[in-house]
Amino acid sequence: MDKSGAYLGFDFGTKRIGVAVGQKITRTASPLETIRSEKKRVRWEAIDRLVADWQPQALIVGIAYQEDGGDNPITPLIRKFCRQLEARYRLPVHNVDERLTSIESRRMLFDELNLRARGVHAFNDQVAAKLILQTWLDDHERAA
């Protein structure tokens, strides 16, 4: 994938962060990797590497809400992560409602890719990040 005009998408979790990469020109997103660590230093080193490698124009982060629109227990941690991204990289950070992305990513992995439960667990976070980023790209296209 051409790195110019890249965007990085994140599905934040306390144990894993799914990452996807996409482009505004092609309007497509692809799963990239899952950062597996509870250690903040390890997580930031991985994100530093991805930002340096891809040089994104913006960062897209899924925000977890309850079905009624209220915050989930993890929502304040996601907002903190967004503020840290913005301060650390001085890039725009956009949010996407991620209520259905984890469910949709599991369905895709089970149904379309025929992965067993173990395989789903390994890829679920990065596919959720792909769906978050794809949603933002699609919404951004409609607004243009």
N, C-alpha and C. Protein backbone atom coordinates (compact mmCIF):
# COMPACT_ATOMS: atom_id res chain seq x y z
N MET A 1 0.84 -1.18 0.00
CA MET A 1 0.00 0.00 0.00
C MET A 1 0.89 1.24 0.00
N ASP A 2 0.54 2.19 -0.84
CA ASP A 2 1.24 3.47 -0.88
C ASP A 2 1.02 4.18 0.46
N LYS A 3 2.08 4.68 1.05
CA LYS A 3 1.98 5.28 2.37
C LYS A 3 1.53 6.74 2.35
N SER A 4 1.54 7.39 1.20
CA SER A 4 1.11 8.79 1.17
C SER A 4 -0.40 8.85 1.38
N GLY A 5 -0.82 9.81 2.16
CA GLY A 5 -2.24 9.96 2.45
C GLY A 5 -2.79 8.89 3.36
N ALA A 6 -1.94 8.31 4.19
CA ALA A 6 -2.35 7.21 5.06
C ALA A 6 -3.06 7.73 6.31
N TYR A 7 -3.90 6.87 6.86
CA TYR A 7 -4.57 7.08 8.13
C TYR A 7 -4.40 5.82 8.95
N LEU A 8 -4.26 5.97 10.26
CA LEU A 8 -4.19 4.81 11.14
C LEU A 8 -5.45 4.77 11.99
N GLY A 9 -6.03 3.58 12.11
CA GLY A 9 -7.21 3.38 12.94
C GLY A 9 -6.86 2.51 14.13
N PHE A 10 -7.49 2.78 15.27
CA PHE A 10 -7.20 2.06 16.51
C PHE A 10 -8.47 1.55 17.17
N ASP A 11 -8.41 0.29 17.60
CA ASP A 11 -9.42 -0.30 18.47
C ASP A 11 -8.74 -0.49 19.82
N PHE A 12 -8.97 0.43 20.75
CA PHE A 12 -8.25 0.46 22.03
C PHE A 12 -8.84 -0.54 23.02
N GLY A 13 -7.94 -1.24 23.69
CA GLY A 13 -8.30 -2.11 24.80
C GLY A 13 -7.19 -2.06 25.83
N THR A 14 -7.48 -2.49 27.05
CA THR A 14 -6.47 -2.42 28.10
C THR A 14 -5.38 -3.48 27.94
N LYS A 15 -5.67 -4.55 27.20
CA LYS A 15 -4.67 -5.60 26.97
C LYS A 15 -4.16 -5.64 25.54
N ARG A 16 -5.00 -5.20 24.61
CA ARG A 16 -4.63 -5.23 23.19
C ARG A 16 -5.15 -3.97 22.51
N ILE A 17 -4.39 -3.51 21.51
CA ILE A 17 -4.83 -2.41 20.66
C ILE A 17 -4.76 -2.90 19.22
N GLY A 18 -5.92 -2.97 18.57
CA GLY A 18 -5.95 -3.32 17.16
C GLY A 18 -5.60 -2.10 16.33
N VAL A 19 -4.83 -2.32 15.26
CA VAL A 19 -4.42 -1.20 14.40
C VAL A 19 -4.73 -1.55 12.95
N ALA A 20 -5.22 -0.55 12.22
CA ALA A 20 -5.49 -0.70 10.79
C ALA A 20 -4.90 0.50 10.07
N VAL A 21 -4.69 0.33 8.78
CA VAL A 21 -4.19 1.42 7.95
C VAL A 21 -5.15 1.60 6.78
N GLY A 22 -5.33 2.85 6.37
CA GLY A 22 -6.21 3.11 5.24
C GLY A 22 -5.77 4.35 4.49
N GLN A 23 -6.42 4.55 3.34
CA GLN A 23 -6.10 5.70 2.50
C GLN A 23 -7.38 6.39 2.08
N LYS A 24 -7.33 7.70 2.07
CA LYS A 24 -8.48 8.49 1.65
C LYS A 24 -8.69 8.38 0.14
N ILE A 25 -7.60 8.25 -0.62
CA ILE A 25 -7.71 8.19 -2.08
C ILE A 25 -8.48 6.96 -2.52
N THR A 26 -8.11 5.80 -1.98
CA THR A 26 -8.77 4.55 -2.37
C THR A 26 -10.00 4.27 -1.52
N ARG A 27 -10.14 5.00 -0.40
CA ARG A 27 -11.26 4.81 0.53
C ARG A 27 -11.32 3.38 1.06
N THR A 28 -10.14 2.80 1.31
CA THR A 28 -10.10 1.44 1.83
C THR A 28 -9.22 1.38 3.07
N ALA A 29 -9.58 0.46 3.96
CA ALA A 29 -8.80 0.21 5.17
C ALA A 29 -8.45 -1.27 5.22
N SER A 30 -7.31 -1.57 5.82
CA SER A 30 -6.84 -2.96 5.96
C SER A 30 -6.33 -3.19 7.37
N PRO A 31 -6.57 -4.39 7.92
CA PRO A 31 -6.00 -4.71 9.23
C PRO A 31 -4.48 -4.65 9.14
N LEU A 32 -3.83 -4.15 10.19
CA LEU A 32 -2.37 -4.01 10.16
C LEU A 32 -1.71 -4.90 11.21
N GLU A 33 -2.05 -4.71 12.47
CA GLU A 33 -1.46 -5.53 13.52
C GLU A 33 -2.22 -5.35 14.82
N THR A 34 -1.92 -6.21 15.78
CA THR A 34 -2.45 -6.09 17.13
C THR A 34 -1.28 -5.89 18.07
N ILE A 35 -1.34 -4.83 18.84
CA ILE A 35 -0.32 -4.56 19.86
C ILE A 35 -0.78 -5.27 21.12
N ARG A 36 -0.03 -6.27 21.54
CA ARG A 36 -0.42 -7.07 22.70
C ARG A 36 0.50 -6.77 23.88
N SER A 37 0.04 -5.92 24.76
CA SER A 37 0.81 -5.63 25.98
C SER A 37 -0.03 -4.76 26.89
N GLU A 38 0.12 -4.97 28.19
CA GLU A 38 -0.49 -4.09 29.17
C GLU A 38 0.50 -3.01 29.60
N LYS A 39 1.75 -3.13 29.17
CA LYS A 39 2.78 -2.17 29.55
C LYS A 39 2.72 -0.96 28.62
N LYS A 40 2.51 0.20 29.21
CA LYS A 40 2.36 1.42 28.41
C LYS A 40 3.58 1.70 27.54
N ARG A 41 4.77 1.49 28.09
CA ARG A 41 6.00 1.75 27.34
C ARG A 41 6.03 0.93 26.05
N VAL A 42 5.69 -0.35 26.15
CA VAL A 42 5.70 -1.25 24.99
C VAL A 42 4.66 -0.79 23.97
N ARG A 43 3.49 -0.40 24.44
CA ARG A 43 2.43 0.07 23.55
C ARG A 43 2.87 1.32 22.80
N TRP A 44 3.42 2.30 23.53
CA TRP A 44 3.81 3.56 22.89
C TRP A 44 4.97 3.35 21.93
N GLU A 45 5.88 2.46 22.25
CA GLU A 45 6.98 2.17 21.31
C GLU A 45 6.42 1.60 20.00
N ALA A 46 5.44 0.72 20.09
CA ALA A 46 4.83 0.14 18.89
C ALA A 46 4.09 1.21 18.09
N ILE A 47 3.35 2.07 18.77
CA ILE A 47 2.62 3.14 18.08
C ILE A 47 3.60 4.15 17.48
N ASP A 48 4.68 4.47 18.21
CA ASP A 48 5.72 5.36 17.67
C ASP A 48 6.24 4.82 16.34
N ARG A 49 6.52 3.52 16.32
CA ARG A 49 7.04 2.87 15.10
C ARG A 49 6.04 2.97 13.96
N LEU A 50 4.76 2.69 14.24
CA LEU A 50 3.73 2.74 13.20
C LEU A 50 3.55 4.16 12.65
N VAL A 51 3.54 5.14 13.54
CA VAL A 51 3.40 6.53 13.09
C VAL A 51 4.61 6.95 12.26
N ALA A 52 5.80 6.55 12.67
CA ALA A 52 7.01 6.87 11.89
C ALA A 52 6.99 6.17 10.53
N ASP A 53 6.57 4.91 10.51
CA ASP A 53 6.54 4.14 9.26
C ASP A 53 5.49 4.67 8.28
N TRP A 54 4.28 4.93 8.76
CA TRP A 54 3.17 5.28 7.88
C TRP A 54 2.98 6.78 7.69
N GLN A 55 3.50 7.59 8.60
CA GLN A 55 3.34 9.04 8.55
C GLN A 55 1.90 9.45 8.22
N PRO A 56 0.96 9.05 9.08
CA PRO A 56 -0.45 9.29 8.79
C PRO A 56 -0.83 10.77 8.84
N GLN A 57 -1.89 11.10 8.12
CA GLN A 57 -2.43 12.46 8.14
C GLN A 57 -3.30 12.68 9.36
N ALA A 58 -3.89 11.58 9.87
CA ALA A 58 -4.75 11.66 11.05
C ALA A 58 -4.84 10.27 11.67
N LEU A 59 -5.33 10.25 12.91
CA LEU A 59 -5.52 9.00 13.65
C LEU A 59 -7.00 8.87 13.97
N ILE A 60 -7.54 7.68 13.77
CA ILE A 60 -8.96 7.43 13.97
C ILE A 60 -9.10 6.41 15.09
N VAL A 61 -9.89 6.73 16.11
CA VAL A 61 -10.03 5.86 17.28
C VAL A 61 -11.50 5.56 17.52
N GLY A 62 -11.81 4.29 17.72
CA GLY A 62 -13.17 3.89 18.05
C GLY A 62 -13.48 4.22 19.50
N ILE A 63 -14.67 4.78 19.73
CA ILE A 63 -15.13 5.09 21.08
C ILE A 63 -16.25 4.12 21.44
N ALA A 64 -16.12 3.49 22.60
CA ALA A 64 -17.11 2.50 23.05
C ALA A 64 -18.22 3.20 23.83
N TYR A 65 -19.44 2.99 23.38
CA TYR A 65 -20.62 3.51 24.07
C TYR A 65 -21.57 2.36 24.40
N GLN A 66 -22.43 2.59 25.38
CA GLN A 66 -23.52 1.66 25.67
C GLN A 66 -24.54 1.78 24.53
N GLU A 67 -25.44 0.83 24.45
CA GLU A 67 -26.48 0.91 23.41
C GLU A 67 -27.31 2.18 23.52
N ASP A 68 -27.50 2.67 24.76
CA ASP A 68 -28.30 3.88 24.96
C ASP A 68 -27.50 5.17 24.72
N GLY A 69 -26.22 5.02 24.32
CA GLY A 69 -25.39 6.18 24.04
C GLY A 69 -24.54 6.63 25.21
N GLY A 70 -24.75 6.04 26.39
CA GLY A 70 -23.94 6.37 27.55
C GLY A 70 -22.55 5.75 27.46
N ASP A 71 -21.68 6.18 28.35
CA ASP A 71 -20.32 5.67 28.36
C ASP A 71 -20.24 4.24 28.89
N ASN A 72 -19.34 3.45 28.31
CA ASN A 72 -18.93 2.16 28.85
C ASN A 72 -17.87 2.42 29.91
N PRO A 73 -17.53 1.44 30.73
CA PRO A 73 -16.44 1.64 31.70
C PRO A 73 -15.11 2.01 31.03
N ILE A 74 -14.87 1.55 29.80
CA ILE A 74 -13.59 1.82 29.13
C ILE A 74 -13.58 3.18 28.41
N THR A 75 -14.73 3.80 28.24
CA THR A 75 -14.81 5.05 27.47
C THR A 75 -13.86 6.14 27.99
N PRO A 76 -13.78 6.39 29.31
CA PRO A 76 -12.83 7.41 29.78
C PRO A 76 -11.37 7.06 29.44
N LEU A 77 -11.02 5.78 29.45
CA LEU A 77 -9.66 5.37 29.08
C LEU A 77 -9.39 5.63 27.60
N ILE A 78 -10.40 5.41 26.77
CA ILE A 78 -10.26 5.67 25.33
C ILE A 78 -10.08 7.17 25.09
N ARG A 79 -10.85 7.98 25.79
CA ARG A 79 -10.71 9.43 25.62
C ARG A 79 -9.31 9.90 26.05
N LYS A 80 -8.80 9.32 27.13
CA LYS A 80 -7.44 9.64 27.59
C LYS A 80 -6.42 9.24 26.52
N PHE A 81 -6.60 8.04 25.93
CA PHE A 81 -5.73 7.56 24.86
C PHE A 81 -5.75 8.55 23.69
N CYS A 82 -6.93 9.05 23.34
CA CYS A 82 -7.05 10.03 22.24
C CYS A 82 -6.28 11.31 22.55
N ARG A 83 -6.42 11.81 23.77
CA ARG A 83 -5.69 13.03 24.16
C ARG A 83 -4.18 12.80 24.10
N GLN A 84 -3.74 11.61 24.54
CA GLN A 84 -2.31 11.29 24.50
C GLN A 84 -1.80 11.19 23.06
N LEU A 85 -2.59 10.58 22.18
CA LEU A 85 -2.21 10.50 20.77
C LEU A 85 -2.03 11.90 20.18
N GLU A 86 -3.01 12.75 20.44
CA GLU A 86 -2.99 14.11 19.89
C GLU A 86 -1.78 14.90 20.40
N ALA A 87 -1.50 14.79 21.69
CA ALA A 87 -0.37 15.52 22.28
C ALA A 87 0.97 14.96 21.81
N ARG A 88 1.06 13.65 21.71
CA ARG A 88 2.33 13.00 21.38
C ARG A 88 2.72 13.20 19.92
N TYR A 89 1.75 13.08 19.01
CA TYR A 89 2.05 13.10 17.57
C TYR A 89 1.63 14.39 16.88
N ARG A 90 0.89 15.24 17.57
CA ARG A 90 0.42 16.50 16.99
C ARG A 90 -0.30 16.27 15.66
N LEU A 91 -1.16 15.27 15.68
CA LEU A 91 -1.99 14.93 14.52
C LEU A 91 -3.45 15.03 14.92
N PRO A 92 -4.33 15.29 13.95
CA PRO A 92 -5.76 15.26 14.27
C PRO A 92 -6.16 13.85 14.70
N VAL A 93 -7.00 13.77 15.72
CA VAL A 93 -7.54 12.49 16.19
C VAL A 93 -9.06 12.57 16.05
N HIS A 94 -9.63 11.64 15.28
CA HIS A 94 -11.07 11.60 15.05
C HIS A 94 -11.63 10.36 15.73
N ASN A 95 -12.87 10.47 16.21
CA ASN A 95 -13.52 9.35 16.88
C ASN A 95 -14.65 8.78 16.04
N VAL A 96 -14.84 7.47 16.18
CA VAL A 96 -15.92 6.76 15.51
C VAL A 96 -16.63 5.91 16.56
N ASP A 97 -17.95 5.91 16.52
CA ASP A 97 -18.73 5.05 17.41
C ASP A 97 -18.44 3.59 17.04
N GLU A 98 -17.92 2.83 17.99
CA GLU A 98 -17.51 1.46 17.70
C GLU A 98 -18.44 0.41 18.28
N ARG A 99 -19.66 0.78 18.59
CA ARG A 99 -20.58 -0.14 19.27
C ARG A 99 -20.68 -1.50 18.61
N LEU A 100 -20.68 -1.57 17.31
CA LEU A 100 -20.91 -2.85 16.63
C LEU A 100 -19.67 -3.43 15.98
N THR A 101 -18.52 -2.77 16.08
CA THR A 101 -17.36 -3.24 15.32
C THR A 101 -16.82 -4.58 15.81
N SER A 102 -16.78 -4.81 17.12
CA SER A 102 -16.25 -6.08 17.62
C SER A 102 -17.15 -7.24 17.22
N ILE A 103 -18.45 -7.03 17.30
CA ILE A 103 -19.40 -8.07 16.90
C ILE A 103 -19.27 -8.34 15.40
N GLU A 104 -19.21 -7.27 14.60
CA GLU A 104 -19.08 -7.42 13.15
C GLU A 104 -17.75 -8.07 12.77
N SER A 105 -16.67 -7.71 13.46
CA SER A 105 -15.38 -8.31 13.12
C SER A 105 -15.38 -9.81 13.44
N ARG A 106 -15.98 -10.21 14.55
CA ARG A 106 -16.07 -11.65 14.86
C ARG A 106 -16.88 -12.38 13.79
N ARG A 107 -18.00 -11.76 13.37
CA ARG A 107 -18.84 -12.38 12.35
C ARG A 107 -18.05 -12.55 11.06
N MET A 108 -17.32 -11.52 10.67
CA MET A 108 -16.52 -11.60 9.45
C MET A 108 -15.48 -12.71 9.54
N LEU A 109 -14.80 -12.77 10.67
CA LEU A 109 -13.73 -13.76 10.83
C LEU A 109 -14.29 -15.18 10.84
N PHE A 110 -15.43 -15.38 11.51
CA PHE A 110 -16.05 -16.70 11.54
C PHE A 110 -16.65 -17.08 10.19
N ASP A 111 -17.50 -16.19 9.66
CA ASP A 111 -18.28 -16.51 8.47
C ASP A 111 -17.47 -16.42 7.18
N GLU A 112 -16.79 -15.32 6.99
CA GLU A 112 -16.13 -15.07 5.71
C GLU A 112 -14.76 -15.72 5.61
N LEU A 113 -14.05 -15.79 6.72
CA LEU A 113 -12.69 -16.33 6.67
C LEU A 113 -12.59 -17.73 7.27
N ASN A 114 -13.70 -18.23 7.80
CA ASN A 114 -13.73 -19.58 8.36
C ASN A 114 -12.69 -19.82 9.45
N LEU A 115 -12.42 -18.82 10.26
CA LEU A 115 -11.46 -18.99 11.34
C LEU A 115 -12.14 -19.61 12.55
N ARG A 116 -11.41 -20.42 13.27
CA ARG A 116 -11.92 -20.97 14.52
C ARG A 116 -11.76 -19.94 15.62
N ALA A 117 -12.29 -20.24 16.79
CA ALA A 117 -12.27 -19.28 17.90
C ALA A 117 -10.87 -18.76 18.19
N ARG A 118 -9.87 -19.62 18.15
CA ARG A 118 -8.50 -19.19 18.42
C ARG A 118 -8.02 -18.17 17.38
N GLY A 119 -8.32 -18.41 16.13
CA GLY A 119 -7.94 -17.48 15.07
C GLY A 119 -8.67 -16.16 15.17
N VAL A 120 -9.95 -16.22 15.57
CA VAL A 120 -10.73 -15.00 15.74
C VAL A 120 -10.10 -14.13 16.81
N HIS A 121 -9.72 -14.75 17.91
CA HIS A 121 -9.12 -14.00 19.02
C HIS A 121 -7.83 -13.29 18.56
N ALA A 122 -7.06 -13.94 17.72
CA ALA A 122 -5.78 -13.38 17.27
C ALA A 122 -5.97 -12.17 16.35
N PHE A 123 -7.05 -12.14 15.58
CA PHE A 123 -7.23 -11.08 14.57
C PHE A 123 -8.37 -10.11 14.87
N ASN A 124 -9.20 -10.39 15.87
CA ASN A 124 -10.40 -9.61 16.10
C ASN A 124 -10.12 -8.12 16.29
N ASP A 125 -9.10 -7.78 17.06
CA ASP A 125 -8.83 -6.37 17.35
C ASP A 125 -8.41 -5.59 16.12
N GLN A 126 -7.58 -6.19 15.27
CA GLN A 126 -7.15 -5.45 14.07
C GLN A 126 -8.27 -5.36 13.04
N VAL A 127 -9.14 -6.36 12.98
CA VAL A 127 -10.30 -6.27 12.08
C VAL A 127 -11.28 -5.23 12.60
N ALA A 128 -11.46 -5.16 13.92
CA ALA A 128 -12.31 -4.11 14.50
C ALA A 128 -11.73 -2.73 14.17
N ALA A 129 -10.40 -2.58 14.24
CA ALA A 129 -9.75 -1.32 13.88
C ALA A 129 -9.99 -0.99 12.41
N LYS A 130 -9.96 -2.01 11.56
CA LYS A 130 -10.24 -1.83 10.13
C LYS A 130 -11.66 -1.30 9.93
N LEU A 131 -12.62 -1.89 10.65
CA LEU A 131 -14.01 -1.45 10.52
C LEU A 131 -14.20 -0.03 11.04
N ILE A 132 -13.51 0.32 12.12
CA ILE A 132 -13.56 1.69 12.65
C ILE A 132 -13.04 2.66 11.60
N LEU A 133 -11.88 2.35 11.04
CA LEU A 133 -11.27 3.23 10.04
C LEU A 133 -12.10 3.29 8.76
N GLN A 134 -12.63 2.14 8.33
CA GLN A 134 -13.46 2.11 7.13
C GLN A 134 -14.72 2.94 7.32
N THR A 135 -15.31 2.88 8.51
CA THR A 135 -16.49 3.69 8.81
C THR A 135 -16.16 5.18 8.68
N TRP A 136 -15.01 5.59 9.24
CA TRP A 136 -14.61 6.99 9.15
C TRP A 136 -14.37 7.40 7.70
N LEU A 137 -13.68 6.56 6.94
CA LEU A 137 -13.42 6.87 5.53
C LEU A 137 -14.73 6.99 4.75
N ASP A 138 -15.67 6.07 4.99
CA ASP A 138 -16.96 6.12 4.30
C ASP A 138 -17.75 7.37 4.68
N ASP A 139 -17.78 7.69 5.98
CA ASP A 139 -18.50 8.88 6.44
C ASP A 139 -17.86 10.15 5.91
N HIS A 140 -16.54 10.16 5.86
CA HIS A 140 -15.80 11.32 5.37
C HIS A 140 -16.06 11.53 3.87
N GLU A 141 -16.21 10.44 3.14
CA GLU A 141 -16.49 10.53 1.70
C GLU A 141 -17.88 11.13 1.48
N ARG A 142 -18.86 10.70 2.28
CA ARG A 142 -20.22 11.23 2.14
C ARG A 142 -20.28 12.72 2.47
N ALA A 143 -19.44 13.16 3.41
CA ALA A 143 -19.43 14.56 3.82
C ALA A 143 -18.72 15.46 2.81
N ALA A 144 -17.88 14.84 1.97
CA ALA A 144 -17.08 15.64 1.00
C ALA A 144 -17.92 16.14 -0.15
